[in-house]
Amino acid sequence: MRYTAWILGLMKVLGIWGPFVIAFADSALLGMPVDFVVARYVYEDHARLLIYVAMASLGSALGSIPLYIVGYLGGERVLRKRISEERFLKIHRSFEQHEFWALMFPGMLPPPMPFKIFVLGAAVFEMRFRDFLVAIFLGRFVRFLVLSVLVLWFGPQIVGLFGTVVVRHWPWVVAGIAAGVLAWLVMRRRTTAPAQPG
């Protein structure tokens, strides 16, 4: 209860920068309740949904840089200390086959996905730094966008079920979000298009 009150107080202090700062801290330091924060901002200010999603995604990407540096400088030894040999080889194969998706897909999934392991893996297996940042940004963008739409549909209480919903049904959730965004863009274009002269 005190921790929740502290987070809410921190959000008031940070203002619109809250999603960015907390997502940055979540990636760079200890875990932070970034899903709760994004959900709260979106629920209280629907109009800025995409801004909050983009800021949290950017914060996650930039906050992962220190861990990338640790993995890059420490090499395989850093990663092998944290996971089994079998898991190490599996992650290595995934980066060899589909480097970008090997990082973006885990970035789309909420806890308990051990995302920091994949961040270290990207550095250890020498993923290009630009691609590293883009993969995390896009993965997190999908994650926070899905969460935000669910919050608008079901309310902020959906945060507790978010991990289960996405992990079990992620293809359908992502497809539904993509279809919804596409429909919204088409409708917006039609309503804002200038009328044709008769």
N, C-alpha and C. Protein backbone atom coordinates (compact mmCIF):
# COMPACT_ATOMS: atom_id res chain seq x y z
N MET A 1 0.83 -1.20 0.00
CA MET A 1 0.00 0.00 0.00
C MET A 1 0.88 1.26 0.00
N ARG A 2 1.91 1.25 0.83
CA ARG A 2 2.81 2.41 0.87
C ARG A 2 3.55 2.57 -0.44
N TYR A 3 3.91 1.43 -1.03
CA TYR A 3 4.64 1.49 -2.30
C TYR A 3 3.75 2.08 -3.39
N THR A 4 2.48 1.69 -3.42
CA THR A 4 1.54 2.24 -4.40
C THR A 4 1.37 3.74 -4.20
N ALA A 5 1.25 4.14 -2.93
CA ALA A 5 1.11 5.58 -2.64
C ALA A 5 2.36 6.35 -3.07
N TRP A 6 3.53 5.72 -2.90
CA TRP A 6 4.79 6.36 -3.31
C TRP A 6 4.84 6.52 -4.82
N ILE A 7 4.42 5.48 -5.55
CA ILE A 7 4.40 5.55 -7.01
C ILE A 7 3.44 6.63 -7.48
N LEU A 8 2.26 6.70 -6.89
CA LEU A 8 1.28 7.72 -7.28
C LEU A 8 1.81 9.12 -7.00
N GLY A 9 2.50 9.28 -5.87
CA GLY A 9 3.11 10.57 -5.56
C GLY A 9 4.21 10.93 -6.55
N LEU A 10 4.99 9.93 -6.94
CA LEU A 10 6.05 10.14 -7.92
C LEU A 10 5.47 10.55 -9.26
N MET A 11 4.36 9.95 -9.64
CA MET A 11 3.70 10.29 -10.90
C MET A 11 3.24 11.75 -10.90
N LYS A 12 2.76 12.23 -9.78
CA LYS A 12 2.33 13.63 -9.69
C LYS A 12 3.52 14.57 -9.86
N VAL A 13 4.65 14.20 -9.27
CA VAL A 13 5.84 15.03 -9.37
C VAL A 13 6.37 15.05 -10.81
N LEU A 14 6.38 13.90 -11.45
CA LEU A 14 6.94 13.78 -12.80
C LEU A 14 6.02 14.34 -13.87
N GLY A 15 4.74 14.37 -13.62
CA GLY A 15 3.81 14.90 -14.62
C GLY A 15 3.80 14.04 -15.87
N ILE A 16 3.77 14.69 -17.01
CA ILE A 16 3.68 13.98 -18.28
C ILE A 16 4.91 13.11 -18.57
N TRP A 17 6.03 13.40 -17.89
CA TRP A 17 7.26 12.63 -18.10
C TRP A 17 7.28 11.32 -17.31
N GLY A 18 6.25 11.05 -16.55
CA GLY A 18 6.22 9.85 -15.71
C GLY A 18 6.46 8.55 -16.45
N PRO A 19 5.73 8.28 -17.55
CA PRO A 19 5.96 7.01 -18.26
C PRO A 19 7.40 6.84 -18.74
N PHE A 20 8.01 7.94 -19.22
CA PHE A 20 9.39 7.85 -19.70
C PHE A 20 10.34 7.55 -18.56
N VAL A 21 10.24 8.32 -17.48
CA VAL A 21 11.20 8.17 -16.37
C VAL A 21 11.07 6.81 -15.71
N ILE A 22 9.86 6.36 -15.45
CA ILE A 22 9.66 5.10 -14.75
C ILE A 22 10.02 3.92 -15.64
N ALA A 23 9.72 4.02 -16.94
CA ALA A 23 10.13 2.94 -17.86
C ALA A 23 11.65 2.88 -17.98
N PHE A 24 12.29 4.04 -17.99
CA PHE A 24 13.76 4.09 -18.03
C PHE A 24 14.34 3.40 -16.79
N ALA A 25 13.80 3.76 -15.62
CA ALA A 25 14.29 3.17 -14.37
C ALA A 25 14.01 1.67 -14.33
N ASP A 26 12.89 1.25 -14.87
CA ASP A 26 12.53 -0.17 -14.89
C ASP A 26 13.55 -0.97 -15.69
N SER A 27 14.02 -0.42 -16.79
CA SER A 27 14.99 -1.12 -17.64
C SER A 27 16.42 -1.01 -17.12
N ALA A 28 16.76 0.16 -16.56
CA ALA A 28 18.14 0.42 -16.17
C ALA A 28 18.47 -0.06 -14.76
N LEU A 29 17.47 -0.02 -13.88
CA LEU A 29 17.73 -0.33 -12.48
C LEU A 29 16.90 -1.53 -12.05
N LEU A 30 16.29 -1.41 -10.89
CA LEU A 30 15.42 -2.47 -10.40
C LEU A 30 14.06 -2.37 -11.08
N GLY A 31 13.29 -3.43 -10.98
CA GLY A 31 11.98 -3.45 -11.61
C GLY A 31 11.05 -2.40 -11.03
N MET A 32 10.31 -1.74 -11.89
CA MET A 32 9.32 -0.75 -11.50
C MET A 32 7.98 -1.17 -12.09
N PRO A 33 6.87 -0.75 -11.48
CA PRO A 33 5.54 -1.13 -11.99
C PRO A 33 5.15 -0.32 -13.21
N VAL A 34 5.89 -0.48 -14.31
CA VAL A 34 5.69 0.37 -15.48
C VAL A 34 4.32 0.14 -16.13
N ASP A 35 3.82 -1.09 -16.10
CA ASP A 35 2.50 -1.36 -16.67
C ASP A 35 1.42 -0.60 -15.89
N PHE A 36 1.52 -0.61 -14.59
CA PHE A 36 0.57 0.11 -13.74
C PHE A 36 0.62 1.60 -14.04
N VAL A 37 1.83 2.13 -14.21
CA VAL A 37 1.99 3.56 -14.47
C VAL A 37 1.39 3.95 -15.81
N VAL A 38 1.72 3.19 -16.86
CA VAL A 38 1.17 3.50 -18.19
C VAL A 38 -0.35 3.40 -18.16
N ALA A 39 -0.87 2.35 -17.53
CA ALA A 39 -2.32 2.17 -17.45
C ALA A 39 -2.99 3.35 -16.74
N ARG A 40 -2.37 3.82 -15.68
CA ARG A 40 -2.94 4.93 -14.91
C ARG A 40 -2.97 6.21 -15.74
N TYR A 41 -1.86 6.50 -16.42
CA TYR A 41 -1.81 7.71 -17.26
C TYR A 41 -2.85 7.65 -18.37
N VAL A 42 -2.94 6.51 -19.03
CA VAL A 42 -3.87 6.36 -20.16
C VAL A 42 -5.31 6.46 -19.67
N TYR A 43 -5.62 5.84 -18.55
CA TYR A 43 -6.98 5.85 -18.03
C TYR A 43 -7.43 7.25 -17.65
N GLU A 44 -6.50 8.04 -17.13
CA GLU A 44 -6.84 9.39 -16.69
C GLU A 44 -6.77 10.43 -17.80
N ASP A 45 -6.11 10.09 -18.91
CA ASP A 45 -5.95 11.05 -20.01
C ASP A 45 -5.94 10.28 -21.34
N HIS A 46 -7.12 9.89 -21.80
CA HIS A 46 -7.24 9.06 -23.01
C HIS A 46 -6.62 9.73 -24.23
N ALA A 47 -6.74 11.04 -24.31
CA ALA A 47 -6.32 11.76 -25.53
C ALA A 47 -4.83 11.61 -25.81
N ARG A 48 -4.04 11.38 -24.77
CA ARG A 48 -2.59 11.29 -24.94
C ARG A 48 -2.10 9.85 -24.93
N LEU A 49 -2.96 8.92 -25.25
CA LEU A 49 -2.62 7.50 -25.21
C LEU A 49 -1.33 7.20 -25.98
N LEU A 50 -1.26 7.61 -27.23
CA LEU A 50 -0.09 7.30 -28.05
C LEU A 50 1.17 7.99 -27.53
N ILE A 51 1.01 9.18 -26.95
CA ILE A 51 2.16 9.88 -26.38
C ILE A 51 2.73 9.10 -25.21
N TYR A 52 1.85 8.64 -24.31
CA TYR A 52 2.30 7.87 -23.16
C TYR A 52 2.93 6.55 -23.58
N VAL A 53 2.33 5.89 -24.55
CA VAL A 53 2.87 4.62 -25.05
C VAL A 53 4.26 4.84 -25.65
N ALA A 54 4.39 5.88 -26.47
CA ALA A 54 5.68 6.17 -27.11
C ALA A 54 6.74 6.56 -26.08
N MET A 55 6.36 7.35 -25.09
CA MET A 55 7.33 7.78 -24.07
C MET A 55 7.81 6.60 -23.23
N ALA A 56 6.89 5.72 -22.86
CA ALA A 56 7.28 4.55 -22.07
C ALA A 56 8.18 3.63 -22.90
N SER A 57 7.87 3.50 -24.19
CA SER A 57 8.67 2.65 -25.07
C SER A 57 10.08 3.22 -25.24
N LEU A 58 10.16 4.54 -25.42
CA LEU A 58 11.47 5.18 -25.55
C LEU A 58 12.27 5.07 -24.25
N GLY A 59 11.59 5.25 -23.13
CA GLY A 59 12.27 5.10 -21.84
C GLY A 59 12.82 3.70 -21.65
N SER A 60 12.05 2.68 -22.07
CA SER A 60 12.52 1.30 -21.95
C SER A 60 13.74 1.05 -22.82
N ALA A 61 13.70 1.59 -24.05
CA ALA A 61 14.83 1.39 -24.97
C ALA A 61 16.10 2.06 -24.45
N LEU A 62 15.99 3.32 -24.06
CA LEU A 62 17.17 4.04 -23.59
C LEU A 62 17.66 3.50 -22.24
N GLY A 63 16.73 3.06 -21.41
CA GLY A 63 17.11 2.50 -20.11
C GLY A 63 17.84 1.18 -20.22
N SER A 64 17.73 0.52 -21.38
CA SER A 64 18.42 -0.76 -21.59
C SER A 64 19.88 -0.59 -22.00
N ILE A 65 20.28 0.63 -22.31
CA ILE A 65 21.65 0.88 -22.77
C ILE A 65 22.71 0.46 -21.74
N PRO A 66 22.55 0.81 -20.44
CA PRO A 66 23.58 0.38 -19.48
C PRO A 66 23.77 -1.13 -19.45
N LEU A 67 22.66 -1.89 -19.54
CA LEU A 67 22.78 -3.35 -19.53
C LEU A 67 23.43 -3.85 -20.82
N TYR A 68 23.16 -3.17 -21.92
CA TYR A 68 23.80 -3.51 -23.19
C TYR A 68 25.33 -3.34 -23.06
N ILE A 69 25.74 -2.26 -22.44
CA ILE A 69 27.17 -1.99 -22.26
C ILE A 69 27.81 -3.07 -21.38
N VAL A 70 27.10 -3.46 -20.31
CA VAL A 70 27.61 -4.52 -19.43
C VAL A 70 27.80 -5.81 -20.20
N GLY A 71 26.80 -6.18 -21.01
CA GLY A 71 26.90 -7.39 -21.80
C GLY A 71 27.98 -7.33 -22.85
N TYR A 72 28.11 -6.17 -23.47
CA TYR A 72 29.11 -6.00 -24.53
C TYR A 72 30.53 -6.11 -23.97
N LEU A 73 30.75 -5.48 -22.82
CA LEU A 73 32.09 -5.50 -22.22
C LEU A 73 32.39 -6.82 -21.52
N GLY A 74 31.37 -7.43 -20.93
CA GLY A 74 31.59 -8.66 -20.18
C GLY A 74 31.62 -9.91 -21.03
N GLY A 75 31.01 -9.85 -22.21
CA GLY A 75 31.02 -10.99 -23.10
C GLY A 75 30.15 -12.14 -22.62
N GLU A 76 30.41 -13.32 -23.17
CA GLU A 76 29.59 -14.49 -22.88
C GLU A 76 29.59 -14.85 -21.39
N ARG A 77 30.69 -14.56 -20.72
CA ARG A 77 30.80 -14.91 -19.30
C ARG A 77 29.67 -14.29 -18.48
N VAL A 78 29.30 -13.05 -18.80
CA VAL A 78 28.24 -12.36 -18.06
C VAL A 78 26.91 -13.09 -18.21
N LEU A 79 26.61 -13.53 -19.43
CA LEU A 79 25.34 -14.19 -19.69
C LEU A 79 25.32 -15.62 -19.16
N ARG A 80 26.43 -16.33 -19.31
CA ARG A 80 26.48 -17.72 -18.85
C ARG A 80 26.31 -17.83 -17.35
N LYS A 81 26.70 -16.80 -16.61
CA LYS A 81 26.55 -16.82 -15.15
C LYS A 81 25.09 -16.81 -14.72
N ARG A 82 24.22 -16.29 -15.60
CA ARG A 82 22.83 -16.05 -15.21
C ARG A 82 21.84 -17.09 -15.72
N ILE A 83 22.25 -17.90 -16.68
CA ILE A 83 21.34 -18.89 -17.25
C ILE A 83 22.07 -20.21 -17.47
N SER A 84 21.29 -21.26 -17.67
CA SER A 84 21.87 -22.59 -17.91
C SER A 84 22.50 -22.63 -19.30
N GLU A 85 23.33 -23.65 -19.50
CA GLU A 85 23.99 -23.82 -20.80
C GLU A 85 22.95 -24.06 -21.90
N GLU A 86 21.92 -24.83 -21.59
CA GLU A 86 20.87 -25.12 -22.57
C GLU A 86 20.13 -23.83 -22.98
N ARG A 87 19.82 -23.00 -21.99
CA ARG A 87 19.14 -21.73 -22.28
C ARG A 87 20.05 -20.79 -23.08
N PHE A 88 21.33 -20.80 -22.73
CA PHE A 88 22.29 -19.96 -23.44
C PHE A 88 22.33 -20.34 -24.92
N LEU A 89 22.42 -21.63 -25.21
CA LEU A 89 22.50 -22.08 -26.60
C LEU A 89 21.21 -21.78 -27.35
N LYS A 90 20.08 -21.88 -26.67
CA LYS A 90 18.79 -21.60 -27.31
C LYS A 90 18.69 -20.12 -27.69
N ILE A 91 19.10 -19.24 -26.78
CA ILE A 91 19.07 -17.80 -27.07
C ILE A 91 20.06 -17.47 -28.18
N HIS A 92 21.22 -18.12 -28.14
CA HIS A 92 22.23 -17.89 -29.17
C HIS A 92 21.68 -18.26 -30.55
N ARG A 93 21.00 -19.39 -30.64
CA ARG A 93 20.42 -19.81 -31.92
C ARG A 93 19.36 -18.83 -32.40
N SER A 94 18.55 -18.34 -31.48
CA SER A 94 17.48 -17.40 -31.88
C SER A 94 18.07 -16.11 -32.42
N PHE A 95 19.18 -15.64 -31.85
CA PHE A 95 19.81 -14.43 -32.36
C PHE A 95 20.51 -14.67 -33.69
N GLU A 96 21.03 -15.87 -33.87
CA GLU A 96 21.66 -16.19 -35.15
C GLU A 96 20.64 -16.28 -36.28
N GLN A 97 19.46 -16.80 -35.99
CA GLN A 97 18.45 -17.02 -37.02
C GLN A 97 17.63 -15.77 -37.33
N HIS A 98 17.12 -15.12 -36.27
CA HIS A 98 16.25 -13.95 -36.45
C HIS A 98 16.60 -12.92 -35.38
N GLU A 99 17.69 -12.25 -35.57
CA GLU A 99 18.24 -11.35 -34.55
C GLU A 99 17.22 -10.33 -34.06
N PHE A 100 16.57 -9.64 -35.00
CA PHE A 100 15.66 -8.56 -34.62
C PHE A 100 14.48 -9.10 -33.81
N TRP A 101 13.85 -10.18 -34.31
CA TRP A 101 12.70 -10.76 -33.62
C TRP A 101 13.10 -11.41 -32.30
N ALA A 102 14.34 -11.88 -32.21
CA ALA A 102 14.81 -12.52 -30.98
C ALA A 102 14.80 -11.55 -29.82
N LEU A 103 14.87 -10.25 -30.11
CA LEU A 103 14.80 -9.24 -29.06
C LEU A 103 13.43 -8.57 -29.01
N MET A 104 12.84 -8.28 -30.17
CA MET A 104 11.56 -7.58 -30.19
C MET A 104 10.44 -8.42 -29.56
N PHE A 105 10.39 -9.71 -29.89
CA PHE A 105 9.30 -10.53 -29.37
C PHE A 105 9.30 -10.61 -27.84
N PRO A 106 10.44 -10.89 -27.17
CA PRO A 106 10.42 -10.86 -25.70
C PRO A 106 10.06 -9.47 -25.16
N GLY A 107 10.42 -8.41 -25.91
CA GLY A 107 10.07 -7.06 -25.47
C GLY A 107 8.59 -6.80 -25.49
N MET A 108 7.84 -7.56 -26.27
CA MET A 108 6.40 -7.40 -26.34
C MET A 108 5.70 -8.02 -25.13
N LEU A 109 6.37 -8.95 -24.46
CA LEU A 109 5.72 -9.71 -23.40
C LEU A 109 5.97 -9.09 -22.03
N PRO A 110 4.95 -9.07 -21.19
CA PRO A 110 5.10 -8.52 -19.83
C PRO A 110 5.74 -9.53 -18.90
N PRO A 111 6.06 -9.14 -17.67
CA PRO A 111 6.55 -10.10 -16.68
C PRO A 111 5.57 -11.27 -16.59
N PRO A 112 6.09 -12.48 -16.34
CA PRO A 112 7.42 -12.83 -15.83
C PRO A 112 8.48 -13.07 -16.91
N MET A 113 8.28 -12.61 -18.14
CA MET A 113 9.32 -12.77 -19.16
C MET A 113 10.62 -12.10 -18.69
N PRO A 114 11.72 -12.87 -18.59
CA PRO A 114 13.00 -12.30 -18.11
C PRO A 114 13.69 -11.49 -19.22
N PHE A 115 13.17 -10.33 -19.52
CA PHE A 115 13.61 -9.58 -20.69
C PHE A 115 15.07 -9.15 -20.61
N LYS A 116 15.57 -8.87 -19.42
CA LYS A 116 16.95 -8.40 -19.28
C LYS A 116 17.96 -9.44 -19.77
N ILE A 117 17.59 -10.71 -19.71
CA ILE A 117 18.46 -11.76 -20.24
C ILE A 117 18.64 -11.59 -21.75
N PHE A 118 17.55 -11.21 -22.43
CA PHE A 118 17.62 -11.03 -23.88
C PHE A 118 18.37 -9.74 -24.24
N VAL A 119 18.28 -8.75 -23.38
CA VAL A 119 19.06 -7.53 -23.59
C VAL A 119 20.55 -7.85 -23.50
N LEU A 120 20.93 -8.61 -22.49
CA LEU A 120 22.32 -9.05 -22.36
C LEU A 120 22.72 -9.89 -23.57
N GLY A 121 21.81 -10.78 -24.00
CA GLY A 121 22.10 -11.62 -25.16
C GLY A 121 22.36 -10.80 -26.41
N ALA A 122 21.58 -9.74 -26.61
CA ALA A 122 21.77 -8.89 -27.79
C ALA A 122 23.17 -8.28 -27.80
N ALA A 123 23.66 -7.90 -26.62
CA ALA A 123 24.99 -7.32 -26.54
C ALA A 123 26.07 -8.38 -26.71
N VAL A 124 25.88 -9.51 -26.04
CA VAL A 124 26.88 -10.58 -26.10
C VAL A 124 27.05 -11.09 -27.53
N PHE A 125 25.94 -11.18 -28.26
CA PHE A 125 25.98 -11.70 -29.62
C PHE A 125 26.12 -10.58 -30.65
N GLU A 126 26.50 -9.40 -30.15
CA GLU A 126 26.91 -8.25 -30.97
C GLU A 126 25.84 -7.79 -31.96
N MET A 127 24.64 -7.64 -31.46
CA MET A 127 23.58 -7.06 -32.27
C MET A 127 23.89 -5.60 -32.53
N ARG A 128 23.64 -5.13 -33.74
CA ARG A 128 23.91 -3.74 -34.07
C ARG A 128 23.14 -2.82 -33.13
N PHE A 129 23.80 -1.79 -32.61
CA PHE A 129 23.22 -0.95 -31.56
C PHE A 129 21.93 -0.27 -32.03
N ARG A 130 21.91 0.21 -33.25
CA ARG A 130 20.70 0.86 -33.77
C ARG A 130 19.53 -0.12 -33.81
N ASP A 131 19.78 -1.32 -34.30
CA ASP A 131 18.73 -2.33 -34.36
C ASP A 131 18.28 -2.73 -32.96
N PHE A 132 19.22 -2.76 -32.03
CA PHE A 132 18.93 -3.06 -30.63
C PHE A 132 17.88 -2.09 -30.08
N LEU A 133 18.12 -0.79 -30.27
CA LEU A 133 17.20 0.22 -29.76
C LEU A 133 15.83 0.15 -30.45
N VAL A 134 15.84 -0.03 -31.76
CA VAL A 134 14.58 -0.08 -32.51
C VAL A 134 13.76 -1.30 -32.11
N ALA A 135 14.41 -2.44 -31.94
CA ALA A 135 13.70 -3.67 -31.57
C ALA A 135 13.03 -3.53 -30.21
N ILE A 136 13.74 -2.95 -29.26
CA ILE A 136 13.15 -2.76 -27.94
C ILE A 136 12.00 -1.75 -28.00
N PHE A 137 12.22 -0.64 -28.71
CA PHE A 137 11.17 0.38 -28.81
C PHE A 137 9.90 -0.22 -29.40
N LEU A 138 10.02 -0.94 -30.51
CA LEU A 138 8.84 -1.50 -31.17
C LEU A 138 8.18 -2.59 -30.33
N GLY A 139 8.99 -3.42 -29.70
CA GLY A 139 8.42 -4.46 -28.83
C GLY A 139 7.65 -3.86 -27.68
N ARG A 140 8.23 -2.87 -27.04
CA ARG A 140 7.56 -2.21 -25.92
C ARG A 140 6.34 -1.42 -26.39
N PHE A 141 6.45 -0.84 -27.58
CA PHE A 141 5.31 -0.07 -28.11
C PHE A 141 4.09 -0.98 -28.27
N VAL A 142 4.30 -2.18 -28.82
CA VAL A 142 3.20 -3.13 -28.96
C VAL A 142 2.66 -3.50 -27.59
N ARG A 143 3.55 -3.79 -26.67
CA ARG A 143 3.13 -4.19 -25.32
C ARG A 143 2.29 -3.10 -24.66
N PHE A 144 2.77 -1.87 -24.65
CA PHE A 144 2.06 -0.80 -23.97
C PHE A 144 0.79 -0.39 -24.71
N LEU A 145 0.79 -0.53 -26.03
CA LEU A 145 -0.42 -0.22 -26.80
C LEU A 145 -1.52 -1.23 -26.49
N VAL A 146 -1.16 -2.51 -26.46
CA VAL A 146 -2.13 -3.54 -26.10
C VAL A 146 -2.68 -3.28 -24.70
N LEU A 147 -1.80 -3.01 -23.77
CA LEU A 147 -2.22 -2.72 -22.40
C LEU A 147 -3.17 -1.53 -22.36
N SER A 148 -2.83 -0.46 -23.08
CA SER A 148 -3.65 0.76 -23.05
C SER A 148 -5.04 0.52 -23.60
N VAL A 149 -5.14 -0.22 -24.70
CA VAL A 149 -6.46 -0.52 -25.27
C VAL A 149 -7.28 -1.37 -24.32
N LEU A 150 -6.64 -2.34 -23.67
CA LEU A 150 -7.34 -3.16 -22.69
C LEU A 150 -7.83 -2.32 -21.52
N VAL A 151 -7.02 -1.34 -21.12
CA VAL A 151 -7.42 -0.45 -20.02
C VAL A 151 -8.63 0.37 -20.42
N LEU A 152 -8.67 0.85 -21.65
CA LEU A 152 -9.82 1.63 -22.10
C LEU A 152 -11.08 0.78 -22.17
N TRP A 153 -10.91 -0.49 -22.50
CA TRP A 153 -12.07 -1.39 -22.59
C TRP A 153 -12.55 -1.87 -21.22
N PHE A 154 -11.60 -2.24 -20.35
CA PHE A 154 -11.96 -2.92 -19.11
C PHE A 154 -11.62 -2.14 -17.84
N GLY A 155 -10.89 -1.04 -17.96
CA GLY A 155 -10.51 -0.29 -16.78
C GLY A 155 -9.13 -0.68 -16.28
N PRO A 156 -8.57 0.10 -15.36
CA PRO A 156 -7.19 -0.14 -14.89
C PRO A 156 -7.00 -1.46 -14.15
N GLN A 157 -8.09 -2.07 -13.69
CA GLN A 157 -7.97 -3.35 -12.97
C GLN A 157 -7.46 -4.47 -13.87
N ILE A 158 -7.45 -4.24 -15.19
CA ILE A 158 -6.98 -5.26 -16.13
C ILE A 158 -5.47 -5.49 -16.01
N VAL A 159 -4.75 -4.56 -15.37
CA VAL A 159 -3.29 -4.67 -15.27
C VAL A 159 -2.88 -5.99 -14.64
N GLY A 160 -3.61 -6.43 -13.63
CA GLY A 160 -3.27 -7.68 -12.95
C GLY A 160 -3.40 -8.90 -13.84
N LEU A 161 -4.28 -8.83 -14.85
CA LEU A 161 -4.49 -9.96 -15.75
C LEU A 161 -3.73 -9.81 -17.05
N PHE A 162 -3.08 -8.68 -17.24
CA PHE A 162 -2.46 -8.37 -18.53
C PHE A 162 -1.45 -9.42 -18.95
N GLY A 163 -0.58 -9.81 -18.01
CA GLY A 163 0.46 -10.78 -18.35
C GLY A 163 -0.12 -12.09 -18.85
N THR A 164 -1.13 -12.59 -18.16
CA THR A 164 -1.74 -13.86 -18.55
C THR A 164 -2.41 -13.75 -19.91
N VAL A 165 -3.14 -12.66 -20.13
CA VAL A 165 -3.86 -12.47 -21.39
C VAL A 165 -2.90 -12.43 -22.57
N VAL A 166 -1.84 -11.63 -22.44
CA VAL A 166 -0.92 -11.45 -23.55
C VAL A 166 -0.09 -12.71 -23.81
N VAL A 167 0.41 -13.33 -22.76
CA VAL A 167 1.25 -14.52 -22.94
C VAL A 167 0.47 -15.65 -23.58
N ARG A 168 -0.77 -15.84 -23.18
CA ARG A 168 -1.57 -16.96 -23.70
C ARG A 168 -2.16 -16.66 -25.08
N HIS A 169 -2.49 -15.41 -25.34
CA HIS A 169 -3.22 -15.09 -26.57
C HIS A 169 -2.56 -13.98 -27.36
N TRP A 170 -1.22 -13.88 -27.30
CA TRP A 170 -0.56 -12.73 -27.91
C TRP A 170 -0.82 -12.58 -29.41
N PRO A 171 -0.89 -13.65 -30.23
CA PRO A 171 -1.13 -13.42 -31.67
C PRO A 171 -2.48 -12.75 -31.92
N TRP A 172 -3.50 -13.20 -31.18
CA TRP A 172 -4.83 -12.63 -31.37
C TRP A 172 -4.91 -11.21 -30.84
N VAL A 173 -4.25 -10.97 -29.73
CA VAL A 173 -4.26 -9.62 -29.16
C VAL A 173 -3.57 -8.63 -30.09
N VAL A 174 -2.40 -9.00 -30.58
CA VAL A 174 -1.66 -8.11 -31.49
C VAL A 174 -2.43 -7.89 -32.78
N ALA A 175 -3.02 -8.97 -33.32
CA ALA A 175 -3.80 -8.83 -34.56
C ALA A 175 -5.00 -7.93 -34.35
N GLY A 176 -5.65 -8.07 -33.19
CA GLY A 176 -6.80 -7.23 -32.90
C GLY A 176 -6.43 -5.77 -32.76
N ILE A 177 -5.31 -5.51 -32.09
CA ILE A 177 -4.85 -4.13 -31.94
C ILE A 177 -4.50 -3.54 -33.29
N ALA A 178 -3.78 -4.31 -34.10
CA ALA A 178 -3.39 -3.81 -35.43
C ALA A 178 -4.61 -3.48 -36.28
N ALA A 179 -5.62 -4.36 -36.23
CA ALA A 179 -6.85 -4.12 -36.99
C ALA A 179 -7.57 -2.88 -36.48
N GLY A 180 -7.60 -2.73 -35.16
CA GLY A 180 -8.26 -1.57 -34.59
C GLY A 180 -7.58 -0.26 -34.95
N VAL A 181 -6.25 -0.25 -34.87
CA VAL A 181 -5.50 0.95 -35.23
C VAL A 181 -5.67 1.29 -36.70
N LEU A 182 -5.64 0.26 -37.56
CA LEU A 182 -5.83 0.48 -39.00
C LEU A 182 -7.21 1.06 -39.29
N ALA A 183 -8.24 0.50 -38.64
CA ALA A 183 -9.60 1.01 -38.84
C ALA A 183 -9.71 2.46 -38.37
N TRP A 184 -9.07 2.76 -37.25
CA TRP A 184 -9.11 4.13 -36.72
C TRP A 184 -8.43 5.11 -37.68
N LEU A 185 -7.30 4.70 -38.25
CA LEU A 185 -6.58 5.57 -39.18
C LEU A 185 -7.40 5.81 -40.45
N VAL A 186 -8.05 4.76 -40.94
CA VAL A 186 -8.88 4.89 -42.14
C VAL A 186 -10.05 5.84 -41.89
N MET A 187 -10.71 5.66 -40.75
CA MET A 187 -11.84 6.52 -40.41
C MET A 187 -11.40 7.97 -40.22
N ARG A 188 -10.26 8.14 -39.58
CA ARG A 188 -9.75 9.49 -39.35
C ARG A 188 -9.41 10.18 -40.67
N ARG A 189 -8.83 9.41 -41.59
CA ARG A 189 -8.47 9.98 -42.89
C ARG A 189 -9.71 10.40 -43.66
N ARG A 190 -10.76 9.58 -43.56
CA ARG A 190 -12.00 9.91 -44.27
C ARG A 190 -12.66 11.16 -43.71
N THR A 191 -12.64 11.29 -42.37
CA THR A 191 -13.31 12.43 -41.76
C THR A 191 -12.53 13.74 -41.93
N THR A 192 -11.21 13.62 -42.09
CA THR A 192 -10.40 14.83 -42.24
C THR A 192 -10.10 15.18 -43.69
N ALA A 193 -10.44 14.28 -44.61
CA ALA A 193 -10.18 14.55 -46.03
C ALA A 193 -11.04 15.71 -46.51
N PRO A 194 -10.47 16.65 -47.29
CA PRO A 194 -11.25 17.78 -47.78
C PRO A 194 -12.32 17.33 -48.75
N ALA A 195 -13.43 17.98 -48.67
CA ALA A 195 -14.54 17.62 -49.55
C ALA A 195 -14.19 17.92 -51.00
N GLN A 196 -14.57 16.99 -51.88
CA GLN A 196 -14.28 17.16 -53.31
C GLN A 196 -15.28 18.13 -53.92
N PRO A 197 -14.82 19.04 -54.78
CA PRO A 197 -15.76 19.98 -55.41
C PRO A 197 -16.74 19.24 -56.33
N GLY A 198 -18.01 19.65 -56.30
CA GLY A 198 -19.02 18.99 -57.09
C GLY A 198 -18.96 19.37 -58.56
